[in-house]
Amino acid sequence: MNAQALLTQLYDTPETDILEQINQLKAELGDQVLILGHHYQREEVFAFADVSGDSLKLSQQAAATSAPYIIFCGVHFMAETADILTSDEQSVILPDLAAGCSMADMADDEQVTRCWAELSDIINPDECVTPVTYINSTASLKSFCGEHGGIVCTSGNARKILEWSWGNREKILFFPDQYLGENTAVTMGVPDSDMIIWDPFQPLGGNTPEAIEKARLILWKGFCSVHQLFKPEHAETMRRNHAGIEILAHPECSRAVCEVADFIGSTEMIIKHVSAAPVGSKFAIATELNLVNRLRIQFPDKPIWFLSPMVCMCSTMFRTDPQHLCAALRSVRDALHGQQRISNQIKVPQQQKRWARLSLERMLNLG
């Protein structure tokens, strides 16, 4: 049965039966398969993850595991990262190939290569610019960073990566998320005069040669469509309605939101912060809805609100449902029995993989 026919059949099956099948397949496959689940994943899929976490934690797990089959319940760039860090004998599977990332799409290799060429008309970027890509990017951009002396960062280690990068060269080109780079730099005391925005649709990114020569941090004009829905006035409303509430924000939020937040951190840092707080602590959290709802359930003795009055959910992450997870597990089982090839396997080209692994290993080696 081909993949599409199988999914059609699974969508005609009651979900309770699908969940039972997943449990049975996990038990049957044992340590032949490892399921990684990102914090933004829907609950009915997240529950089956052998390891859950943010991008940094899951990258580390991908690098450490010896499981021959890895099912990544996340989005495309995450599965690419897992394939880069694992051996050629391991297979990485993305349950739904349509699970992408709008932020990752805001910078492609052609745009970044053109940016590097434009910078070369003014400065020598290979001598004075460290390219830093957020892990929310394609394998080709991780490869670009590896080849040009650069590195990957996550929301949890961005400060450490910026410190490393400035220790090597005087300037940083940070892509694709403007706000993670900007918010991290602000917390490090970097003045606005040292930062410029690079718009890939404008000559020289919309900057003058003088501004480029002066800048220490060149921020790509990209953003997370989910985190940009949070506004400073949402925090004001929460504080007005709930005395003593603490505002927690992910650093992908706009600078305006982060400036009014009481705590800024990655998903893992937000979870740890809430967990360590005393009973009765109140929080309004500016990050993806599935994570916030999970925290509400996990900590019923700590009132938790979603900061925005609107639904801010990662719709592409949500595409991975129990039916797609079940299909991925069945694909592994059938492949082990020699009945068919693995479906939805993510394979990064070897030339890209070599340089991309270098940029990721630079990050992982920093701890």
Protein backbone atom coordinates (compact mmCIF):
# COMPACT_ATOMS: atom_id res chain seq x y z
CA MET A 1 0.00 0.00 0.00
CA ASN A 2 1.43 3.39 -0.95
CA ALA A 3 1.73 6.21 1.57
CA GLN A 4 -1.28 8.19 0.34
CA ALA A 5 -3.55 5.14 0.31
CA LEU A 6 -2.42 4.27 3.84
CA LEU A 7 -3.19 7.77 5.12
CA THR A 8 -6.63 7.67 3.49
CA GLN A 9 -7.29 4.40 5.27
CA LEU A 10 -6.03 5.76 8.60
CA TYR A 11 -8.24 8.85 8.37
CA ASP A 12 -11.22 6.51 7.99
CA THR A 13 -10.17 4.71 11.20
CA PRO A 14 -11.39 5.89 14.64
CA GLU A 15 -8.66 7.84 16.40
CA THR A 16 -8.83 5.57 19.46
CA ASP A 17 -7.82 2.70 17.17
CA ILE A 18 -5.00 4.80 15.71
CA LEU A 19 -3.61 5.53 19.18
CA GLU A 20 -3.78 1.83 20.04
CA GLN A 21 -1.92 0.99 16.83
CA ILE A 22 0.80 3.50 17.69
CA ASN A 23 1.30 1.92 21.11
CA GLN A 24 1.46 -1.54 19.57
CA LEU A 25 3.94 -0.49 16.89
CA LYS A 26 6.17 1.26 19.45
CA ALA A 27 6.23 -1.90 21.56
CA GLU A 28 6.96 -4.07 18.52
CA LEU A 29 9.76 -1.87 17.21
CA GLY A 30 11.39 -1.27 20.59
CA ASP A 31 14.80 0.38 20.40
CA GLN A 32 14.82 0.19 16.60
CA VAL A 33 13.00 3.51 16.53
CA LEU A 34 13.31 6.76 18.48
CA ILE A 35 10.52 9.35 18.40
CA LEU A 36 11.57 12.96 18.94
CA GLY A 37 8.84 15.47 19.82
CA HIS A 38 9.15 19.25 19.80
CA HIS A 39 7.40 21.21 22.56
CA TYR A 40 5.07 22.86 20.03
CA GLN A 41 3.69 19.53 18.86
CA ARG A 42 0.02 18.73 19.46
CA GLU A 43 -0.64 16.80 22.67
CA GLU A 44 -1.92 13.57 21.13
CA VAL A 45 1.36 13.21 19.22
CA PHE A 46 3.66 14.69 21.87
CA ALA A 47 2.51 11.98 24.29
CA PHE A 48 4.32 9.33 22.21
CA ALA A 49 7.70 11.09 22.13
CA ASP A 50 10.61 9.15 23.62
CA VAL A 51 12.46 12.45 23.96
CA SER A 52 10.83 15.89 24.01
CA GLY A 53 12.43 19.29 24.00
CA ASP A 54 13.35 22.42 22.12
CA SER A 55 15.62 22.56 19.09
CA LEU A 56 18.86 22.47 21.11
CA LYS A 57 17.90 19.48 23.22
CA LEU A 58 16.60 17.53 20.23
CA SER A 59 19.73 18.36 18.22
CA GLN A 60 21.85 16.97 21.03
CA GLN A 61 19.70 13.84 21.21
CA ALA A 62 19.94 13.34 17.45
CA ALA A 63 23.73 13.54 17.73
CA ALA A 64 23.82 11.06 20.64
CA THR A 65 21.35 8.37 19.59
CA SER A 66 22.29 5.09 17.91
CA ALA A 67 18.69 4.18 17.01
CA PRO A 68 18.56 3.10 13.33
CA TYR A 69 15.26 4.91 12.73
CA ILE A 70 14.42 8.39 14.04
CA ILE A 71 10.92 9.76 13.65
CA PHE A 72 10.98 13.53 14.12
CA CYS A 73 7.64 14.99 15.16
CA GLY A 74 8.50 18.56 14.32
CA VAL A 75 9.13 20.44 11.08
CA HIS A 76 11.37 19.99 8.06
CA PHE A 77 14.48 21.87 9.21
CA MET A 78 14.51 19.84 12.45
CA ALA A 79 14.51 16.55 10.56
CA GLU A 80 17.28 17.89 8.32
CA THR A 81 19.33 18.73 11.41
CA ALA A 82 18.84 15.21 12.75
CA ASP A 83 19.97 13.73 9.42
CA ILE A 84 23.07 15.94 9.41
CA LEU A 85 24.09 14.82 12.89
CA THR A 86 23.40 11.09 12.50
CA SER A 87 25.28 8.44 10.57
CA ASP A 88 24.57 7.25 7.03
CA GLU A 89 23.25 3.99 8.52
CA GLN A 90 20.47 5.85 10.34
CA SER A 91 17.21 6.99 8.74
CA VAL A 92 15.38 10.17 9.74
CA ILE A 93 11.67 10.32 8.99
CA LEU A 94 9.38 13.36 8.97
CA PRO A 95 5.80 12.07 9.39
CA ASP A 96 4.33 14.85 7.19
CA LEU A 97 6.57 16.36 4.51
CA ALA A 98 4.30 19.43 4.43
CA ALA A 99 5.40 20.39 7.97
CA GLY A 100 7.62 23.37 7.27
CA CYS A 101 8.59 26.66 8.91
CA SER A 102 7.68 30.10 7.59
CA MET A 103 10.69 31.67 9.30
CA ALA A 104 13.09 29.21 7.66
CA ASP A 105 11.55 30.17 4.31
CA MET A 106 12.48 33.84 4.85
CA ALA A 107 16.15 33.22 4.01
CA ASP A 108 17.33 30.91 1.25
CA ASP A 109 20.82 30.09 0.02
CA GLU A 110 20.49 32.34 -3.04
CA GLN A 111 19.57 35.37 -0.92
CA VAL A 112 22.30 34.77 1.64
CA THR A 113 24.93 34.17 -1.06
CA ARG A 114 23.86 37.42 -2.74
CA CYS A 115 24.08 39.22 0.61
CA TRP A 116 27.62 37.89 1.12
CA ALA A 117 28.59 39.07 -2.38
CA GLU A 118 27.15 42.54 -1.74
CA LEU A 119 29.04 42.75 1.55
CA SER A 120 32.20 41.80 -0.37
CA ASP A 121 31.91 45.01 -2.37
CA ILE A 122 32.36 47.00 0.85
CA ILE A 123 34.26 44.79 3.32
CA ASN A 124 35.94 41.37 3.29
CA PRO A 125 33.28 39.22 5.00
CA ASP A 126 35.47 36.11 5.12
CA GLU A 127 37.87 38.04 7.33
CA CYS A 128 35.56 40.19 9.43
CA VAL A 129 32.04 38.63 9.43
CA THR A 130 30.87 35.49 11.25
CA PRO A 131 27.69 34.13 9.67
CA VAL A 132 25.32 32.81 12.34
CA THR A 133 22.16 30.96 11.38
CA TYR A 134 19.36 30.21 13.78
CA ILE A 135 18.67 26.48 13.83
CA ASN A 136 15.29 27.36 12.26
CA SER A 137 16.90 27.37 8.81
CA THR A 138 17.56 25.07 5.89
CA ALA A 139 20.46 22.64 5.69
CA SER A 140 21.91 24.72 2.85
CA LEU A 141 22.24 27.75 5.14
CA LYS A 142 23.84 25.68 7.89
CA SER A 143 26.23 24.48 5.18
CA PHE A 144 26.93 28.09 4.16
CA CYS A 145 27.86 28.91 7.75
CA GLY A 146 30.11 25.89 8.05
CA GLU A 147 31.97 26.80 4.87
CA HIS A 148 32.43 30.45 5.87
CA GLY A 149 33.66 29.95 9.43
CA GLY A 150 30.20 30.37 10.93
CA ILE A 151 27.98 28.56 13.36
CA VAL A 152 24.40 27.60 14.27
CA CYS A 153 22.53 28.89 17.33
CA THR A 154 19.28 28.12 19.13
CA SER A 155 17.09 30.35 21.26
CA GLY A 156 18.66 28.73 24.32
CA ASN A 157 22.31 29.41 23.49
CA ALA A 158 22.18 32.55 21.31
CA ARG A 159 24.14 34.70 23.78
CA LYS A 160 26.96 32.18 24.01
CA ILE A 161 27.07 31.93 20.22
CA LEU A 162 27.20 35.71 19.76
CA GLU A 163 30.04 35.92 22.28
CA TRP A 164 31.94 33.18 20.41
CA SER A 165 31.30 34.85 17.06
CA TRP A 166 32.50 38.29 18.15
CA GLY A 167 35.51 36.60 19.68
CA ASN A 168 36.47 35.38 16.21
CA ARG A 169 35.53 38.32 13.99
CA GLU A 170 34.35 41.88 14.50
CA LYS A 171 30.96 41.55 12.79
CA ILE A 172 28.07 39.06 12.74
CA LEU A 173 25.55 38.35 9.99
CA PHE A 174 22.58 36.83 11.85
CA PHE A 175 19.75 35.08 9.99
CA PRO A 176 16.89 34.35 9.47
CA ASP A 177 15.27 35.71 12.67
CA GLN A 178 15.85 39.40 13.33
CA TYR A 179 14.30 39.36 16.79
CA LEU A 180 16.28 36.55 18.37
CA GLY A 181 19.48 38.28 17.34
CA GLU A 182 18.25 41.73 18.34
CA ASN A 183 16.80 40.71 21.71
CA THR A 184 19.92 38.73 22.60
CA ALA A 185 22.17 41.65 21.66
CA VAL A 186 20.08 44.07 23.73
CA THR A 187 20.47 41.88 26.83
CA MET A 188 24.23 41.93 26.18
CA GLY A 189 24.27 45.74 26.19
CA VAL A 190 24.88 46.15 22.45
CA PRO A 191 23.71 49.67 21.44
CA ASP A 192 21.30 50.26 18.57
CA SER A 193 24.04 52.16 16.75
CA ASP A 194 25.94 48.87 16.33
CA MET A 195 22.99 47.06 14.69
CA ILE A 196 21.46 47.28 11.21
CA ILE A 197 18.62 45.38 9.50
CA TRP A 198 19.30 43.57 6.23
CA ASP A 199 16.28 43.45 3.92
CA PRO A 200 17.08 40.79 1.27
CA PHE A 201 14.77 42.52 -1.22
CA GLN A 202 16.69 45.81 -1.13
CA PRO A 203 20.13 46.68 -2.58
CA LEU A 204 22.71 46.38 0.23
CA GLY A 205 19.83 45.23 2.40
CA GLY A 206 18.53 48.80 2.45
CA ASN A 207 21.73 50.14 4.05
CA THR A 208 24.48 52.56 3.11
CA PRO A 209 28.09 51.39 2.76
CA GLU A 210 28.94 53.55 5.78
CA ALA A 211 26.30 51.85 7.94
CA ILE A 212 27.60 48.42 6.92
CA GLU A 213 31.19 49.37 7.75
CA LYS A 214 30.13 50.63 11.17
CA ALA A 215 27.76 47.77 12.13
CA ARG A 216 28.82 44.98 14.46
CA LEU A 217 25.54 43.06 14.05
CA ILE A 218 23.71 42.67 10.73
CA LEU A 219 20.21 41.34 11.40
CA TRP A 220 18.27 39.57 8.65
CA LYS A 221 14.72 40.82 8.22
CA GLY A 222 12.89 37.63 9.15
CA PHE A 223 10.51 36.58 11.91
CA CYS A 224 8.33 33.85 13.40
CA SER A 225 4.73 34.33 12.26
CA VAL A 226 3.47 32.89 15.57
CA HIS A 227 5.55 34.97 17.97
CA GLN A 228 4.90 38.21 16.08
CA LEU A 229 1.23 38.03 17.06
CA PHE A 230 2.06 39.01 20.65
CA LYS A 231 1.88 42.74 21.44
CA PRO A 232 3.05 44.93 24.37
CA GLU A 233 -0.55 45.93 25.09
CA HIS A 234 -1.34 42.26 25.79
CA ALA A 235 1.11 42.43 28.70
CA GLU A 236 -0.44 45.69 29.91
CA THR A 237 -3.91 44.09 29.92
CA MET A 238 -2.66 41.05 31.85
CA ARG A 239 -0.98 43.20 34.50
CA ARG A 240 -4.09 45.33 34.84
CA ASN A 241 -6.35 42.28 35.30
CA HIS A 242 -4.03 40.04 37.36
CA ALA A 243 -1.98 41.68 40.10
CA GLY A 244 1.45 40.16 40.56
CA ILE A 245 1.45 38.26 37.26
CA GLU A 246 4.80 37.56 35.60
CA ILE A 247 5.16 37.98 31.84
CA LEU A 248 7.33 35.32 30.15
CA ALA A 249 8.39 35.79 26.52
CA HIS A 250 10.22 33.73 23.95
CA PRO A 251 13.08 35.71 22.33
CA GLU A 252 11.46 35.26 18.90
CA CYS A 253 8.87 37.81 20.07
CA SER A 254 9.33 41.41 18.96
CA ARG A 255 11.71 43.63 20.87
CA ALA A 256 8.74 45.67 22.07
CA VAL A 257 7.24 42.58 23.75
CA CYS A 258 10.55 41.44 25.23
CA GLU A 259 11.15 44.90 26.68
CA VAL A 260 7.96 44.66 28.78
CA ALA A 261 8.50 41.00 29.77
CA ASP A 262 9.76 39.95 33.20
CA PHE A 263 11.58 36.92 31.81
CA ILE A 264 12.90 36.08 28.32
CA GLY A 265 13.90 32.54 27.47
CA SER A 266 13.71 29.54 25.18
CA THR A 267 10.94 26.99 25.58
CA GLU A 268 13.16 24.86 27.84
CA MET A 269 14.02 27.92 29.94
CA ILE A 270 10.37 28.92 30.23
CA ILE A 271 9.43 25.41 31.37
CA LYS A 272 12.21 25.41 34.01
CA HIS A 273 11.22 28.89 35.20
CA VAL A 274 7.58 27.91 35.70
CA SER A 275 8.56 24.61 37.32
CA ALA A 276 10.86 26.28 39.86
CA ALA A 277 8.34 28.98 40.85
CA PRO A 278 6.45 28.65 44.16
CA VAL A 279 2.85 27.45 44.26
CA GLY A 280 0.42 30.25 43.42
CA SER A 281 2.76 32.04 41.04
CA LYS A 282 0.90 33.59 38.10
CA PHE A 283 2.21 33.69 34.55
CA ALA A 284 1.19 35.05 31.17
CA ILE A 285 3.32 33.37 28.51
CA ALA A 286 4.17 34.63 25.03
CA THR A 287 4.96 31.50 23.09
CA GLU A 288 3.21 28.80 21.07
CA LEU A 289 -0.22 27.69 22.31
CA ASN A 290 0.41 23.94 22.64
CA LEU A 291 3.29 24.51 25.05
CA VAL A 292 1.30 26.97 27.15
CA ASN A 293 -1.67 24.60 27.38
CA ARG A 294 0.66 21.76 28.39
CA LEU A 295 2.09 23.91 31.20
CA ARG A 296 -1.43 24.68 32.42
CA ILE A 297 -2.10 20.97 32.76
CA GLN A 298 1.29 20.19 34.28
CA PHE A 299 1.11 22.96 36.91
CA PRO A 300 -2.54 23.32 37.99
CA ASP A 301 -1.41 25.06 41.21
CA LYS A 302 0.14 27.93 39.22
CA PRO A 303 -2.39 30.01 37.24
CA ILE A 304 -1.15 30.33 33.65
CA TRP A 305 -2.57 32.45 30.84
CA PHE A 306 -1.77 32.66 27.16
CA LEU A 307 -0.56 36.22 26.65
CA SER A 308 -2.46 36.92 23.42
CA PRO A 309 -6.27 37.02 23.15
CA MET A 310 -5.80 35.45 19.69
CA VAL A 311 -4.77 31.88 18.90
CA CYS A 312 -1.01 31.79 18.20
CA MET A 313 -0.33 28.23 17.11
CA CYS A 314 2.32 26.78 14.80
CA SER A 315 0.02 25.54 12.04
CA THR A 316 2.75 23.66 10.17
CA MET A 317 3.83 21.80 13.32
CA PHE A 318 0.15 20.93 13.84
CA ARG A 319 0.10 19.06 10.52
CA THR A 320 1.79 16.10 12.21
CA ASP A 321 -1.17 14.19 13.63
CA PRO A 322 -1.63 10.64 15.01
CA GLN A 323 -2.44 9.36 11.52
CA HIS A 324 0.90 10.58 10.13
CA LEU A 325 2.80 9.23 13.14
CA CYS A 326 1.10 5.85 12.77
CA ALA A 327 1.94 5.78 9.06
CA ALA A 328 5.59 6.56 9.83
CA LEU A 329 5.80 3.72 12.34
CA ARG A 330 4.17 1.31 9.89
CA SER A 331 6.69 2.39 7.26
CA VAL A 332 9.55 1.48 9.62
CA ARG A 333 7.98 -1.88 10.46
CA ASP A 334 7.44 -2.74 6.79
CA ALA A 335 10.98 -1.68 5.89
CA LEU A 336 12.40 -3.91 8.61
CA HIS A 337 10.42 -6.81 7.11
CA GLY A 338 11.73 -5.97 3.62
CA GLN A 339 8.26 -5.12 2.32
CA GLN A 340 8.91 -1.54 1.18
CA ARG A 341 11.28 1.40 1.36
CA ILE A 342 11.02 3.97 4.12
CA SER A 343 8.48 6.70 3.40
CA ASN A 344 9.17 10.40 4.07
CA GLN A 345 12.87 9.89 4.73
CA ILE A 346 14.83 13.16 4.95
CA LYS A 347 18.19 13.03 3.20
CA VAL A 348 20.52 16.03 3.13
CA PRO A 349 22.97 15.93 0.16
CA GLN A 350 26.45 14.80 1.24
CA GLN A 351 28.20 18.00 0.17
CA GLN A 352 25.78 20.11 2.22
CA LYS A 353 25.91 17.67 5.12
CA ARG A 354 29.70 17.95 5.51
CA TRP A 355 29.72 21.72 5.97
CA ALA A 356 26.41 21.84 7.86
CA ARG A 357 27.67 19.27 10.35
CA LEU A 358 30.71 21.46 10.97
CA SER A 359 28.56 24.49 11.83
CA LEU A 360 26.39 22.37 14.13
CA GLU A 361 29.37 20.71 15.80
CA ARG A 362 30.86 24.16 16.51
CA MET A 363 27.64 24.94 18.39
CA LEU A 364 27.44 21.62 20.23
CA ASN A 365 31.11 21.79 21.23
CA LEU A 366 30.40 25.04 23.07
CA GLY A 367 28.12 23.07 25.41
